[in-house]
Amino acid sequence: MIGINQTSDQVTDSTIVQDDNTGWLNTKWRPMMGWMYMAVCVCDFIIFPVFWSLIQVYGKGKVDDQWNPLTLQGAGFFHLAMGAVLGITSFGRSQEKMTAMTTPTVVQK
């Protein structure tokens, strides 16, 4: 990368930025997807139905309607998509780990 006031002749080693893919988002996005999917499922199948029933009991005095899970609307496409994302990324991560184990690493001093 060349700074604004530098020409290509003035570039030094300190101005070159190397991307080593160790950023927080780059290393944590797979677990975050899993935690997000688990939180959505817990809310949609456990917490929201309980609150729905409590609101109906204390609001009207009777439970007429059953909770309709939001993620199952649209033929459960959300669960299909999340299953595909988590499945493919876990397979990809396994391949990355296997490649890292079989590839010799060079230690630089």
PDB file of N, CA and C in Angstrom:
ATOM      1  N   MET A   1       0.835  -1.170   0.000  1.00  0.00           N
ATOM      2  CA  MET A   1       0.000   0.000   0.000  1.00  0.00           C
ATOM      3  C   MET A   1       0.882   1.237   0.000  1.00  0.00           C
ATOM      4  N   ILE A   2       0.552   2.181  -0.803  1.00  0.00           N
ATOM      5  CA  ILE A   2       1.312   3.420  -0.890  1.00  0.00           C
ATOM      6  C   ILE A   2       0.502   4.521  -0.237  1.00  0.00           C
ATOM      7  N   GLY A   3       1.161   5.297   0.635  1.00  0.00           N
ATOM      8  CA  GLY A   3       0.478   6.394   1.296  1.00  0.00           C
ATOM      9  C   GLY A   3       0.126   7.501   0.314  1.00  0.00           C
ATOM     10  N   ILE A   4      -0.623   8.479   0.763  1.00  0.00           N
ATOM     11  CA  ILE A   4      -1.102   9.557  -0.101  1.00  0.00           C
ATOM     12  C   ILE A   4       0.050  10.397  -0.632  1.00  0.00           C
ATOM     13  N   ASN A   5       1.018  10.693   0.211  1.00  0.00           N
ATOM     14  CA  ASN A   5       2.112  11.592  -0.192  1.00  0.00           C
ATOM     15  C   ASN A   5       3.367  10.834  -0.603  1.00  0.00           C
ATOM     16  N   GLN A   6       3.273   9.531  -0.851  1.00  0.00           N
ATOM     17  CA  GLN A   6       4.444   8.750  -1.198  1.00  0.00           C
ATOM     18  C   GLN A   6       4.390   8.348  -2.668  1.00  0.00           C
ATOM     19  N   THR A   7       5.541   8.277  -3.253  1.00  0.00           N
ATOM     20  CA  THR A   7       5.638   7.721  -4.602  1.00  0.00           C
ATOM     21  C   THR A   7       6.094   6.280  -4.471  1.00  0.00           C
ATOM     22  N   SER A   8       6.087   5.566  -5.553  1.00  0.00           N
ATOM     23  CA  SER A   8       6.494   4.160  -5.482  1.00  0.00           C
ATOM     24  C   SER A   8       7.961   4.009  -5.108  1.00  0.00           C
ATOM     25  N   ASP A   9       8.787   5.041  -5.320  1.00  0.00           N
ATOM     26  CA  ASP A   9      10.202   4.968  -4.947  1.00  0.00           C
ATOM     27  C   ASP A   9      10.390   5.122  -3.438  1.00  0.00           C
ATOM     28  N   GLN A  10       9.442   5.724  -2.743  1.00  0.00           N
ATOM     29  CA  GLN A  10       9.584   6.009  -1.325  1.00  0.00           C
ATOM     30  C   GLN A  10       8.972   4.922  -0.437  1.00  0.00           C
ATOM     31  N   VAL A  11       8.428   3.890  -1.007  1.00  0.00           N
ATOM     32  CA  VAL A  11       7.781   2.848  -0.222  1.00  0.00           C
ATOM     33  C   VAL A  11       8.826   2.054   0.537  1.00  0.00           C
ATOM     34  N   THR A  12       8.585   1.863   1.824  1.00  0.00           N
ATOM     35  CA  THR A  12       9.483   1.073   2.656  1.00  0.00           C
ATOM     36  C   THR A  12       8.740  -0.155   3.156  1.00  0.00           C
ATOM     37  N   ASP A  13       9.461  -1.013   3.853  1.00  0.00           N
ATOM     38  CA  ASP A  13       8.844  -2.225   4.393  1.00  0.00           C
ATOM     39  C   ASP A  13       7.779  -1.913   5.430  1.00  0.00           C
ATOM     40  N   SER A  14       7.886  -0.797   6.103  1.00  0.00           N
ATOM     41  CA  SER A  14       6.926  -0.476   7.156  1.00  0.00           C
ATOM     42  C   SER A  14       5.574  -0.049   6.600  1.00  0.00           C
ATOM     43  N   THR A  15       5.513   0.303   5.324  1.00  0.00           N
ATOM     44  CA  THR A  15       4.232   0.726   4.754  1.00  0.00           C
ATOM     45  C   THR A  15       3.444  -0.435   4.160  1.00  0.00           C
ATOM     46  N   ILE A  16       4.034  -1.600   4.046  1.00  0.00           N
ATOM     47  CA  ILE A  16       3.346  -2.767   3.493  1.00  0.00           C
ATOM     48  C   ILE A  16       2.582  -3.456   4.612  1.00  0.00           C
ATOM     49  N   VAL A  17       1.294  -3.660   4.393  1.00  0.00           N
ATOM     50  CA  VAL A  17       0.439  -4.296   5.383  1.00  0.00           C
ATOM     51  C   VAL A  17       0.142  -5.712   4.913  1.00  0.00           C
ATOM     52  N   GLN A  18       0.425  -6.676   5.777  1.00  0.00           N
ATOM     53  CA  GLN A  18       0.144  -8.063   5.434  1.00  0.00           C
ATOM     54  C   GLN A  18      -1.134  -8.503   6.136  1.00  0.00           C
ATOM     55  N   ASP A  19      -1.997  -9.164   5.399  1.00  0.00           N
ATOM     56  CA  ASP A  19      -3.247  -9.677   5.959  1.00  0.00           C
ATOM     57  C   ASP A  19      -3.032 -11.129   6.342  1.00  0.00           C
ATOM     58  N   ASP A  20      -3.050 -11.406   7.632  1.00  0.00           N
ATOM     59  CA  ASP A  20      -2.826 -12.777   8.091  1.00  0.00           C
ATOM     60  C   ASP A  20      -4.118 -13.484   8.492  1.00  0.00           C
ATOM     61  N   ASN A  21      -5.284 -12.884   8.186  1.00  0.00           N
ATOM     62  CA  ASN A  21      -6.595 -13.484   8.439  1.00  0.00           C
ATOM     63  C   ASN A  21      -6.796 -13.891   9.892  1.00  0.00           C
ATOM     64  N   THR A  22      -6.319 -13.096  10.818  1.00  0.00           N
ATOM     65  CA  THR A  22      -6.505 -13.402  12.232  1.00  0.00           C
ATOM     66  C   THR A  22      -7.387 -12.377  12.910  1.00  0.00           C
ATOM     67  N   GLY A  23      -8.192 -11.660  12.153  1.00  0.00           N
ATOM     68  CA  GLY A  23      -9.100 -10.688  12.742  1.00  0.00           C
ATOM     69  C   GLY A  23     -10.182 -11.380  13.545  1.00  0.00           C
ATOM     70  N   TRP A  24     -10.785 -10.639  14.453  1.00  0.00           N
ATOM     71  CA  TRP A  24     -11.793 -11.201  15.348  1.00  0.00           C
ATOM     72  C   TRP A  24     -12.966 -11.782  14.580  1.00  0.00           C
ATOM     73  N   LEU A  25     -13.484 -11.035  13.622  1.00  0.00           N
ATOM     74  CA  LEU A  25     -14.633 -11.514  12.865  1.00  0.00           C
ATOM     75  C   LEU A  25     -14.273 -12.699  11.983  1.00  0.00           C
ATOM     76  N   ASN A  26     -13.080 -12.704  11.448  1.00  0.00           N
ATOM     77  CA  ASN A  26     -12.663 -13.794  10.573  1.00  0.00           C
ATOM     78  C   ASN A  26     -12.529 -15.113  11.327  1.00  0.00           C
ATOM     79  N   THR A  27     -12.114 -15.059  12.583  1.00  0.00           N
ATOM     80  CA  THR A  27     -11.916 -16.293  13.345  1.00  0.00           C
ATOM     81  C   THR A  27     -13.148 -16.719  14.137  1.00  0.00           C
ATOM     82  N   LYS A  28     -14.081 -15.817  14.393  1.00  0.00           N
ATOM     83  CA  LYS A  28     -15.210 -16.139  15.274  1.00  0.00           C
ATOM     84  C   LYS A  28     -16.563 -16.230  14.578  1.00  0.00           C
ATOM     85  N   TRP A  29     -16.643 -16.057  13.257  1.00  0.00           N
ATOM     86  CA  TRP A  29     -17.951 -15.993  12.628  1.00  0.00           C
ATOM     87  C   TRP A  29     -18.652 -17.338  12.626  1.00  0.00           C
ATOM     88  N   ARG A  30     -17.927 -18.437  12.538  1.00  0.00           N
ATOM     89  CA  ARG A  30     -18.582 -19.749  12.545  1.00  0.00           C
ATOM     90  C   ARG A  30     -19.228 -20.045  13.891  1.00  0.00           C
ATOM     91  N   PRO A  31     -18.516 -19.878  15.005  1.00  0.00           N
ATOM     92  CA  PRO A  31     -19.189 -20.103  16.291  1.00  0.00           C
ATOM     93  C   PRO A  31     -20.333 -19.125  16.525  1.00  0.00           C
ATOM     94  N   MET A  32     -20.189 -17.879  16.056  1.00  0.00           N
ATOM     95  CA  MET A  32     -21.273 -16.908  16.236  1.00  0.00           C
ATOM     96  C   MET A  32     -22.525 -17.341  15.479  1.00  0.00           C
ATOM     97  N   MET A  33     -22.368 -17.920  14.304  1.00  0.00           N
ATOM     98  CA  MET A  33     -23.519 -18.413  13.539  1.00  0.00           C
ATOM     99  C   MET A  33     -24.220 -19.530  14.309  1.00  0.00           C
ATOM    100  N   GLY A  34     -23.451 -20.425  14.901  1.00  0.00           N
ATOM    101  CA  GLY A  34     -24.031 -21.511  15.682  1.00  0.00           C
ATOM    102  C   GLY A  34     -24.772 -21.002  16.906  1.00  0.00           C
ATOM    103  N   TRP A  35     -24.166 -20.071  17.638  1.00  0.00           N
ATOM    104  CA  TRP A  35     -24.822 -19.496  18.813  1.00  0.00           C
ATOM    105  C   TRP A  35     -26.073 -18.727  18.421  1.00  0.00           C
ATOM    106  N   MET A  36     -26.020 -18.008  17.310  1.00  0.00           N
ATOM    107  CA  MET A  36     -27.190 -17.259  16.850  1.00  0.00           C
ATOM    108  C   MET A  36     -28.338 -18.208  16.502  1.00  0.00           C
ATOM    109  N   TYR A  37     -28.017 -19.296  15.810  1.00  0.00           N
ATOM    110  CA  TYR A  37     -29.059 -20.256  15.437  1.00  0.00           C
ATOM    111  C   TYR A  37     -29.657 -20.908  16.684  1.00  0.00           C
ATOM    112  N   MET A  38     -28.812 -21.246  17.658  1.00  0.00           N
ATOM    113  CA  MET A  38     -29.315 -21.829  18.894  1.00  0.00           C
ATOM    114  C   MET A  38     -30.204 -20.835  19.649  1.00  0.00           C
ATOM    115  N   ALA A  39     -29.810 -19.566  19.701  1.00  0.00           N
ATOM    116  CA  ALA A  39     -30.625 -18.555  20.382  1.00  0.00           C
ATOM    117  C   ALA A  39     -31.970 -18.367  19.685  1.00  0.00           C
ATOM    118  N   VAL A  40     -31.976 -18.359  18.359  1.00  0.00           N
ATOM    119  CA  VAL A  40     -33.235 -18.226  17.620  1.00  0.00           C
ATOM    120  C   VAL A  40     -34.150 -19.411  17.899  1.00  0.00           C
ATOM    121  N   CYS A  41     -33.609 -20.620  17.891  1.00  0.00           N
ATOM    122  CA  CYS A  41     -34.428 -21.809  18.146  1.00  0.00           C
ATOM    123  C   CYS A  41     -34.973 -21.819  19.571  1.00  0.00           C
ATOM    124  N   VAL A  42     -34.144 -21.471  20.555  1.00  0.00           N
ATOM    125  CA  VAL A  42     -34.605 -21.427  21.945  1.00  0.00           C
ATOM    126  C   VAL A  42     -35.714 -20.396  22.106  1.00  0.00           C
ATOM    127  N   CYS A  43     -35.532 -19.233  21.520  1.00  0.00           N
ATOM    128  CA  CYS A  43     -36.563 -18.199  21.631  1.00  0.00           C
ATOM    129  C   CYS A  43     -37.843 -18.618  20.924  1.00  0.00           C
ATOM    130  N   ASP A  44     -37.731 -19.135  19.709  1.00  0.00           N
ATOM    131  CA  ASP A  44     -38.916 -19.424  18.901  1.00  0.00           C
ATOM    132  C   ASP A  44     -39.675 -20.651  19.383  1.00  0.00           C
ATOM    133  N   PHE A  45     -39.010 -21.621  20.001  1.00  0.00           N
ATOM    134  CA  PHE A  45     -39.680 -22.848  20.403  1.00  0.00           C
ATOM    135  C   PHE A  45     -39.895 -22.988  21.909  1.00  0.00           C
ATOM    136  N   ILE A  46     -39.220 -22.176  22.730  1.00  0.00           N
ATOM    137  CA  ILE A  46     -39.368 -22.300  24.183  1.00  0.00           C
ATOM    138  C   ILE A  46     -39.862 -20.995  24.810  1.00  0.00           C
ATOM    139  N   ILE A  47     -39.095 -19.925  24.659  1.00  0.00           N
ATOM    140  CA  ILE A  47     -39.394 -18.686  25.383  1.00  0.00           C
ATOM    141  C   ILE A  47     -40.643 -17.992  24.855  1.00  0.00           C
ATOM    142  N   PHE A  48     -40.725 -17.778  23.546  1.00  0.00           N
ATOM    143  CA  PHE A  48     -41.882 -17.064  22.982  1.00  0.00           C
ATOM    144  C   PHE A  48     -43.201 -17.805  23.195  1.00  0.00           C
ATOM    145  N   PRO A  49     -43.262 -19.148  23.064  1.00  0.00           N
ATOM    146  CA  PRO A  49     -44.537 -19.820  23.349  1.00  0.00           C
ATOM    147  C   PRO A  49     -44.992 -19.658  24.802  1.00  0.00           C
ATOM    148  N   VAL A  50     -44.057 -19.684  25.737  1.00  0.00           N
ATOM    149  CA  VAL A  50     -44.417 -19.502  27.145  1.00  0.00           C
ATOM    150  C   VAL A  50     -44.954 -18.092  27.368  1.00  0.00           C
ATOM    151  N   PHE A  51     -44.248 -17.092  26.856  1.00  0.00           N
ATOM    152  CA  PHE A  51     -44.734 -15.717  26.988  1.00  0.00           C
ATOM    153  C   PHE A  51     -46.075 -15.519  26.295  1.00  0.00           C
ATOM    154  N   TRP A  52     -46.262 -16.138  25.135  1.00  0.00           N
ATOM    155  CA  TRP A  52     -47.518 -16.045  24.398  1.00  0.00           C
ATOM    156  C   TRP A  52     -48.677 -16.577  25.249  1.00  0.00           C
ATOM    157  N   SER A  53     -48.459 -17.720  25.873  1.00  0.00           N
ATOM    158  CA  SER A  53     -49.506 -18.303  26.728  1.00  0.00           C
ATOM    159  C   SER A  53     -49.770 -17.436  27.952  1.00  0.00           C
ATOM    160  N   LEU A  54     -48.706 -16.922  28.563  1.00  0.00           N
ATOM    161  CA  LEU A  54     -48.881 -16.059  29.734  1.00  0.00           C
ATOM    162  C   LEU A  54     -49.631 -14.778  29.375  1.00  0.00           C
ATOM    163  N   ILE A  55     -49.307 -14.197  28.251  1.00  0.00           N
ATOM    164  CA  ILE A  55     -50.000 -12.978  27.822  1.00  0.00           C
ATOM    165  C   ILE A  55     -51.470 -13.259  27.570  1.00  0.00           C
ATOM    166  N   GLN A  56     -51.767 -14.397  26.945  1.00  0.00           N
ATOM    167  CA  GLN A  56     -53.162 -14.724  26.676  1.00  0.00           C
ATOM    168  C   GLN A  56     -53.936 -15.027  27.954  1.00  0.00           C
ATOM    169  N   VAL A  57     -53.308 -15.726  28.887  1.00  0.00           N
ATOM    170  CA  VAL A  57     -53.990 -16.058  30.147  1.00  0.00           C
ATOM    171  C   VAL A  57     -54.261 -14.796  30.950  1.00  0.00           C
ATOM    172  N   TYR A  58     -53.268 -13.935  31.080  1.00  0.00           N
ATOM    173  CA  TYR A  58     -53.459 -12.736  31.880  1.00  0.00           C
ATOM    174  C   TYR A  58     -54.187 -11.624  31.123  1.00  0.00           C
ATOM    175  N   GLY A  59     -54.177 -11.678  29.815  1.00  0.00           N
ATOM    176  CA  GLY A  59     -54.831 -10.650  29.023  1.00  0.00           C
ATOM    177  C   GLY A  59     -56.314 -10.900  28.823  1.00  0.00           C
ATOM    178  N   LYS A  60     -56.674 -12.092  28.363  1.00  0.00           N
ATOM    179  CA  LYS A  60     -58.063 -12.398  28.034  1.00  0.00           C
ATOM    180  C   LYS A  60     -58.710 -13.383  29.002  1.00  0.00           C
ATOM    181  N   GLY A  61     -57.906 -14.122  29.703  1.00  0.00           N
ATOM    182  CA  GLY A  61     -58.452 -15.113  30.609  1.00  0.00           C
ATOM    183  C   GLY A  61     -58.551 -16.503  30.019  1.00  0.00           C
ATOM    184  N   LYS A  62     -58.272 -16.677  28.732  1.00  0.00           N
ATOM    185  CA  LYS A  62     -58.297 -17.993  28.111  1.00  0.00           C
ATOM    186  C   LYS A  62     -57.271 -18.033  26.973  1.00  0.00           C
ATOM    187  N   VAL A  63     -56.846 -19.237  26.664  1.00  0.00           N
ATOM    188  CA  VAL A  63     -55.870 -19.424  25.599  1.00  0.00           C
ATOM    189  C   VAL A  63     -56.612 -19.920  24.364  1.00  0.00           C
ATOM    190  N   ASP A  64     -56.793 -19.033  23.408  1.00  0.00           N
ATOM    191  CA  ASP A  64     -57.501 -19.391  22.181  1.00  0.00           C
ATOM    192  C   ASP A  64     -56.551 -19.828  21.073  1.00  0.00           C
ATOM    193  N   ASP A  65     -55.511 -19.066  20.900  1.00  0.00           N
ATOM    194  CA  ASP A  65     -54.595 -19.315  19.790  1.00  0.00           C
ATOM    195  C   ASP A  65     -53.311 -19.951  20.288  1.00  0.00           C
ATOM    196  N   GLN A  66     -52.786 -20.833  19.467  1.00  0.00           N
ATOM    197  CA  GLN A  66     -51.527 -21.479  19.770  1.00  0.00           C
ATOM    198  C   GLN A  66     -50.401 -20.663  19.147  1.00  0.00           C
ATOM    199  N   TRP A  67     -49.219 -20.706  19.776  1.00  0.00           N
ATOM    200  CA  TRP A  67     -48.072 -19.990  19.224  1.00  0.00           C
ATOM    201  C   TRP A  67     -47.695 -20.604  17.878  1.00  0.00           C
ATOM    202  N   ASN A  68     -47.475 -19.762  16.904  1.00  0.00           N
ATOM    203  CA  ASN A  68     -47.043 -20.186  15.579  1.00  0.00           C
ATOM    204  C   ASN A  68     -45.580 -19.774  15.418  1.00  0.00           C
ATOM    205  N   PRO A  69     -44.640 -20.741  15.457  1.00  0.00           N
ATOM    206  CA  PRO A  69     -43.223 -20.384  15.379  1.00  0.00           C
ATOM    207  C   PRO A  69     -42.900 -19.577  14.125  1.00  0.00           C
ATOM    208  N   LEU A  70     -42.191 -18.483  14.331  1.00  0.00           N
ATOM    209  CA  LEU A  70     -41.864 -17.589  13.227  1.00  0.00           C
ATOM    210  C   LEU A  70     -40.924 -18.226  12.213  1.00  0.00           C
ATOM    211  N   THR A  71     -40.023 -19.078  12.696  1.00  0.00           N
ATOM    212  CA  THR A  71     -39.042 -19.675  11.791  1.00  0.00           C
ATOM    213  C   THR A  71     -39.613 -20.820  10.979  1.00  0.00           C
ATOM    214  N   LEU A  72     -40.793 -21.302  11.321  1.00  0.00           N
ATOM    215  CA  LEU A  72     -41.406 -22.374  10.538  1.00  0.00           C
ATOM    216  C   LEU A  72     -42.321 -21.837   9.449  1.00  0.00           C
ATOM    217  N   GLN A  73     -42.548 -20.543   9.454  1.00  0.00           N
ATOM    218  CA  GLN A  73     -43.332 -19.957   8.376  1.00  0.00           C
ATOM    219  C   GLN A  73     -42.481 -19.964   7.111  1.00  0.00           C
ATOM    220  N   GLY A  74     -43.108 -20.104   5.988  1.00  0.00           N
ATOM    221  CA  GLY A  74     -42.347 -20.198   4.741  1.00  0.00           C
ATOM    222  C   GLY A  74     -41.701 -21.557   4.584  1.00  0.00           C
ATOM    223  N   ALA A  75     -42.393 -22.591   5.065  1.00  0.00           N
ATOM    224  CA  ALA A  75     -41.949 -23.994   4.932  1.00  0.00           C
ATOM    225  C   ALA A  75     -40.620 -24.262   5.646  1.00  0.00           C
ATOM    226  N   GLY A  76     -40.299 -23.492   6.663  1.00  0.00           N
ATOM    227  CA  GLY A  76     -39.081 -23.725   7.436  1.00  0.00           C
ATOM    228  C   GLY A  76     -37.802 -23.433   6.668  1.00  0.00           C
ATOM    229  N   PHE A  77     -37.882 -22.527   5.717  1.00  0.00           N
ATOM    230  CA  PHE A  77     -36.716 -22.211   4.895  1.00  0.00           C
ATOM    231  C   PHE A  77     -35.560 -21.683   5.733  1.00  0.00           C
ATOM    232  N   PHE A  78     -35.850 -20.995   6.828  1.00  0.00           N
ATOM    233  CA  PHE A  78     -34.792 -20.489   7.706  1.00  0.00           C
ATOM    234  C   PHE A  78     -33.948 -21.641   8.244  1.00  0.00           C
ATOM    235  N   HIS A  79     -34.604 -22.714   8.682  1.00  0.00           N
ATOM    236  CA  HIS A  79     -33.869 -23.858   9.234  1.00  0.00           C
ATOM    237  C   HIS A  79     -33.086 -24.587   8.151  1.00  0.00           C
ATOM    238  N   LEU A  80     -33.651 -24.678   6.960  1.00  0.00           N
ATOM    239  CA  LEU A  80     -32.914 -25.287   5.847  1.00  0.00           C
ATOM    240  C   LEU A  80     -31.670 -24.469   5.506  1.00  0.00           C
ATOM    241  N   ALA A  81     -31.832 -23.165   5.454  1.00  0.00           N
ATOM    242  CA  ALA A  81     -30.695 -22.299   5.117  1.00  0.00           C
ATOM    243  C   ALA A  81     -29.621 -22.344   6.205  1.00  0.00           C
ATOM    244  N   MET A  82     -30.034 -22.279   7.458  1.00  0.00           N
ATOM    245  CA  MET A  82     -29.053 -22.317   8.545  1.00  0.00           C
ATOM    246  C   MET A  82     -28.369 -23.676   8.612  1.00  0.00           C
ATOM    247  N   GLY A  83     -29.118 -24.738   8.354  1.00  0.00           N
ATOM    248  CA  GLY A  83     -28.505 -26.071   8.312  1.00  0.00           C
ATOM    249  C   GLY A  83     -27.458 -26.163   7.220  1.00  0.00           C
ATOM    250  N   ALA A  84     -27.764 -25.581   6.065  1.00  0.00           N
ATOM    251  CA  ALA A  84     -26.789 -25.589   4.970  1.00  0.00           C
ATOM    252  C   ALA A  84     -25.566 -24.758   5.324  1.00  0.00           C
ATOM    253  N   VAL A  85     -25.772 -23.578   5.875  1.00  0.00           N
ATOM    254  CA  VAL A  85     -24.644 -22.708   6.218  1.00  0.00           C
ATOM    255  C   VAL A  85     -23.762 -23.370   7.271  1.00  0.00           C
ATOM    256  N   LEU A  86     -24.361 -23.878   8.334  1.00  0.00           N
ATOM    257  CA  LEU A  86     -23.568 -24.495   9.404  1.00  0.00           C
ATOM    258  C   LEU A  86     -22.911 -25.795   8.944  1.00  0.00           C
ATOM    259  N   GLY A  87     -23.620 -26.567   8.135  1.00  0.00           N
ATOM    260  CA  GLY A  87     -23.048 -27.820   7.645  1.00  0.00           C
ATOM    261  C   GLY A  87     -21.873 -27.598   6.711  1.00  0.00           C
ATOM    262  N   ILE A  88     -22.035 -26.699   5.763  1.00  0.00           N
ATOM    263  CA  ILE A  88     -20.964 -26.443   4.797  1.00  0.00           C
ATOM    264  C   ILE A  88     -19.755 -25.792   5.467  1.00  0.00           C
ATOM    265  N   THR A  89     -20.011 -24.858   6.391  1.00  0.00           N
ATOM    266  CA  THR A  89     -18.875 -24.205   7.051  1.00  0.00           C
ATOM    267  C   THR A  89     -18.143 -25.149   7.994  1.00  0.00           C
ATOM    268  N   SER A  90     -18.867 -26.062   8.643  1.00  0.00           N
ATOM    269  CA  SER A  90     -18.173 -27.020   9.510  1.00  0.00           C
ATOM    270  C   SER A  90     -17.344 -27.988   8.671  1.00  0.00           C
ATOM    271  N   PHE A  91     -17.858 -28.374   7.511  1.00  0.00           N
ATOM    272  CA  PHE A  91     -17.069 -29.215   6.609  1.00  0.00           C
ATOM    273  C   PHE A  91     -15.838 -28.457   6.118  1.00  0.00           C
ATOM    274  N   GLY A  92     -16.024 -27.196   5.759  1.00  0.00           N
ATOM    275  CA  GLY A  92     -14.895 -26.380   5.297  1.00  0.00           C
ATOM    276  C   GLY A  92     -13.851 -26.195   6.376  1.00  0.00           C
ATOM    277  N   ARG A  93     -14.297 -25.997   7.606  1.00  0.00           N
ATOM    278  CA  ARG A  93     -13.351 -25.825   8.718  1.00  0.00           C
ATOM    279  C   ARG A  93     -12.587 -27.117   8.976  1.00  0.00           C
ATOM    280  N   SER A  94     -13.264 -28.261   8.856  1.00  0.00           N
ATOM    281  CA  SER A  94     -12.582 -29.541   9.018  1.00  0.00           C
ATOM    282  C   SER A  94     -11.506 -29.712   7.957  1.00  0.00           C
ATOM    283  N   GLN A  95     -11.822 -29.327   6.724  1.00  0.00           N
ATOM    284  CA  GLN A  95     -10.834 -29.418   5.657  1.00  0.00           C
ATOM    285  C   GLN A  95      -9.652 -28.483   5.918  1.00  0.00           C
ATOM    286  N   GLU A  96      -9.929 -27.285   6.445  1.00  0.00           N
ATOM    287  CA  GLU A  96      -8.850 -26.350   6.771  1.00  0.00           C
ATOM    288  C   GLU A  96      -7.940 -26.929   7.848  1.00  0.00           C
ATOM    289  N   LYS A  97      -8.516 -27.545   8.862  1.00  0.00           N
ATOM    290  CA  LYS A  97      -7.707 -28.120   9.935  1.00  0.00           C
ATOM    291  C   LYS A  97      -6.877 -29.295   9.430  1.00  0.00           C
ATOM    292  N   MET A  98      -7.477 -30.138   8.575  1.00  0.00           N
ATOM    293  CA  MET A  98      -6.732 -31.276   8.035  1.00  0.00           C
ATOM    294  C   MET A  98      -5.590 -30.800   7.145  1.00  0.00           C
ATOM    295  N   THR A  99      -5.818 -29.760   6.367  1.00  0.00           N
ATOM    296  CA  THR A  99      -4.762 -29.206   5.519  1.00  0.00           C
ATOM    297  C   THR A  99      -3.651 -28.602   6.369  1.00  0.00           C
ATOM    298  N   ALA A 100      -4.026 -27.917   7.433  1.00  0.00           N
ATOM    299  CA  ALA A 100      -3.025 -27.312   8.314  1.00  0.00           C
ATOM    300  C   ALA A 100      -2.185 -28.372   9.008  1.00  0.00           C
ATOM    301  N   MET A 101      -2.785 -29.526   9.318  1.00  0.00           N
ATOM    302  CA  MET A 101      -2.038 -30.586   9.997  1.00  0.00           C
ATOM    303  C   MET A 101      -1.076 -31.292   9.045  1.00  0.00           C
ATOM    304  N   THR A 102      -1.435 -31.398   7.774  1.00  0.00           N
ATOM    305  CA  THR A 102      -0.578 -32.111   6.838  1.00  0.00           C
ATOM    306  C   THR A 102       0.440 -31.217   6.155  1.00  0.00           C
ATOM    307  N   THR A 103       0.253 -29.914   6.203  1.00  0.00           N
ATOM    308  CA  THR A 103       1.175 -28.982   5.569  1.00  0.00           C
ATOM    309  C   THR A 103       2.280 -28.619   6.548  1.00  0.00           C
ATOM    310  N   PRO A 104       3.536 -28.814   6.137  1.00  0.00           N
ATOM    311  CA  PRO A 104       4.625 -28.419   7.057  1.00  0.00           C
ATOM    312  C   PRO A 104       4.687 -26.889   7.165  1.00  0.00           C
ATOM    313  N   THR A 105       4.935 -26.431   8.361  1.00  0.00           N
ATOM    314  CA  THR A 105       5.024 -24.991   8.588  1.00  0.00           C
ATOM    315  C   THR A 105       6.496 -24.590   8.711  1.00  0.00           C
ATOM    316  N   VAL A 106       6.814 -23.431   8.191  1.00  0.00           N
ATOM    317  CA  VAL A 106       8.176 -22.893   8.259  1.00  0.00           C
ATOM    318  C   VAL A 106       8.204 -21.813   9.339  1.00  0.00           C
ATOM    319  N   VAL A 107       9.085 -21.969  10.288  1.00  0.00           N
ATOM    320  CA  VAL A 107       9.230 -21.005  11.368  1.00  0.00           C
ATOM    321  C   VAL A 107      10.267 -19.970  10.960  1.00  0.00           C
ATOM    322  N   GLN A 108       9.850 -18.704  10.944  1.00  0.00           N
ATOM    323  CA  GLN A 108      10.774 -17.640  10.588  1.00  0.00           C
ATOM    324  C   GLN A 108      11.248 -16.936  11.851  1.00  0.00           C
ATOM    325  N   LYS A 109      12.531 -16.592  11.846  1.00  0.00           N
ATOM    326  CA  LYS A 109      13.102 -15.911  13.015  1.00  0.00           C
ATOM    327  C   LYS A 109      13.179 -14.442  12.765  1.00  0.00           C
TER     328      LYS A 109
END
